[in-house]
Amino acid sequence: MDWKYLESEEGLDALSKQSADKPQVIFKHSTRCITSSMAKNRMDNSKQLLDNADVYLLNVIEHRSVSDLVARRFGVVHESPQVLVIKNGKAVYNESHVGIQPSVVASEL
């Protein structure tokens, strides 16, 4: 996966604006969680996502305040791992833990 990195409120603002033109995917990842690592590995192998969306990795350990802002802005409960699809500034899909399946995420783009 050719990840972009979400590390700031400004980055989240830009991502939200870009979602008007192209779907944006946020993958919230904890480097301390084996379930998160397994979900990230599944995401890493999904070329279909890169073809149809910008895909961002948010390290929730290093950037917890940004992760909390994602939860507030898009009206979702913070979880990790978690994936969100953003279109037109709104979360149109989110899933967490073992429910994260790249083929399902791609179908929501």
Protein backbone atom coordinates (compact mmCIF):
# COMPACT_ATOMS: atom_id res chain seq x y z
CA MET A 1 0.00 0.00 0.00
CA ASP A 2 1.24 3.45 -0.84
CA TRP A 3 -0.03 5.07 2.37
CA LYS A 4 -0.48 8.78 2.88
CA TYR A 5 -0.12 9.79 6.51
CA LEU A 6 -2.73 11.62 8.54
CA GLU A 7 -0.93 13.43 11.34
CA SER A 8 -2.66 16.76 11.94
CA GLU A 9 -5.92 18.66 12.04
CA GLU A 10 -4.82 20.50 8.88
CA GLY A 11 -4.33 17.18 7.14
CA LEU A 12 -7.82 16.11 8.19
CA ASP A 13 -9.25 19.38 6.85
CA ALA A 14 -7.51 18.80 3.51
CA LEU A 15 -8.70 15.19 3.38
CA SER A 16 -12.28 16.33 4.03
CA LYS A 17 -12.10 18.85 1.17
CA GLN A 18 -10.56 16.28 -1.19
CA SER A 19 -13.43 13.90 -0.46
CA ALA A 20 -15.67 16.10 -2.64
CA ASP A 21 -13.65 14.97 -5.69
CA LYS A 22 -12.44 11.50 -4.70
CA PRO A 23 -13.27 9.10 -1.86
CA GLN A 24 -10.83 9.18 1.03
CA VAL A 25 -10.07 6.19 3.24
CA ILE A 26 -8.71 6.52 6.78
CA PHE A 27 -7.19 3.47 8.45
CA LYS A 28 -6.71 4.01 12.19
CA HIS A 29 -3.85 1.77 13.30
CA SER A 30 -2.38 0.91 16.68
CA THR A 31 1.21 -0.30 16.53
CA ARG A 32 0.60 -2.06 19.87
CA CYS A 33 -2.25 -4.30 18.70
CA ILE A 34 -1.92 -7.60 16.83
CA THR A 35 -5.48 -7.30 15.47
CA SER A 36 -4.56 -3.91 14.05
CA SER A 37 -1.42 -5.34 12.46
CA MET A 38 -3.42 -8.13 10.83
CA ALA A 39 -6.00 -5.66 9.48
CA LYS A 40 -3.21 -3.42 8.18
CA ASN A 41 -1.64 -6.37 6.36
CA ARG A 42 -4.97 -7.04 4.64
CA MET A 43 -5.20 -3.38 3.66
CA ASP A 44 -1.58 -3.37 2.44
CA ASN A 45 -2.46 -5.96 -0.19
CA SER A 46 -5.43 -4.13 -1.71
CA LYS A 47 -4.51 -2.44 -4.99
CA GLN A 48 -8.20 -1.85 -5.67
CA LEU A 49 -8.34 0.74 -2.89
CA LEU A 50 -5.43 2.73 -4.31
CA ASP A 51 -7.02 2.76 -7.76
CA ASN A 52 -10.20 4.39 -6.47
CA ALA A 53 -9.36 6.43 -3.36
CA ASP A 54 -6.67 8.21 -1.43
CA VAL A 55 -5.73 5.96 1.50
CA TYR A 56 -4.45 7.41 4.77
CA LEU A 57 -2.79 5.72 7.72
CA LEU A 58 -3.44 7.31 11.13
CA ASN A 59 -1.17 6.02 13.92
CA VAL A 60 -3.45 6.31 16.95
CA ILE A 61 -0.58 5.95 19.42
CA GLU A 62 1.39 8.89 18.01
CA HIS A 63 -1.59 11.01 16.98
CA ARG A 64 -4.39 10.24 19.43
CA SER A 65 -5.71 13.80 19.32
CA VAL A 66 -6.19 13.51 15.55
CA SER A 67 -7.90 10.15 16.03
CA ASP A 68 -10.27 11.72 18.56
CA LEU A 69 -10.95 14.55 16.11
CA VAL A 70 -11.80 12.00 13.38
CA ALA A 71 -14.30 10.39 15.75
CA ARG A 72 -15.95 13.72 16.59
CA ARG A 73 -15.95 15.14 13.09
CA PHE A 74 -17.41 12.05 11.44
CA GLY A 75 -19.69 10.93 14.28
CA VAL A 76 -18.11 7.55 14.94
CA VAL A 77 -16.91 5.90 18.13
CA HIS A 78 -13.10 5.74 18.33
CA GLU A 79 -11.85 2.22 17.73
CA SER A 80 -8.59 0.73 16.61
CA PRO A 81 -8.14 -0.72 14.17
CA GLN A 82 -10.84 1.13 12.29
CA VAL A 83 -11.43 2.08 8.69
CA LEU A 84 -13.59 4.93 7.43
CA VAL A 85 -14.66 5.89 3.91
CA ILE A 86 -15.16 9.65 3.55
CA LYS A 87 -17.20 11.16 0.70
CA ASN A 88 -18.30 14.77 0.45
CA GLY A 89 -17.01 15.45 3.95
CA LYS A 90 -19.04 12.66 5.58
CA ALA A 91 -18.24 9.14 6.76
CA VAL A 92 -20.32 6.86 4.55
CA TYR A 93 -18.83 3.65 5.95
CA ASN A 94 -16.84 2.53 8.96
CA GLU A 95 -15.80 -0.81 10.34
CA SER A 96 -13.41 -2.04 13.00
CA HIS A 97 -11.34 -4.98 14.15
CA VAL A 98 -11.82 -8.28 12.29
CA GLY A 99 -14.69 -6.74 10.31
CA ILE A 100 -12.18 -4.78 8.21
CA GLN A 101 -12.22 -6.40 4.77
CA PRO A 102 -10.57 -4.43 1.93
CA SER A 103 -12.99 -5.83 -0.67
CA VAL A 104 -15.93 -4.48 1.34
CA VAL A 105 -14.20 -1.13 1.82
CA ALA A 106 -13.57 -0.97 -1.94
CA SER A 107 -17.25 -1.67 -2.64
CA GLU A 108 -18.15 1.44 -0.61
CA LEU A 109 -16.00 3.80 -2.72
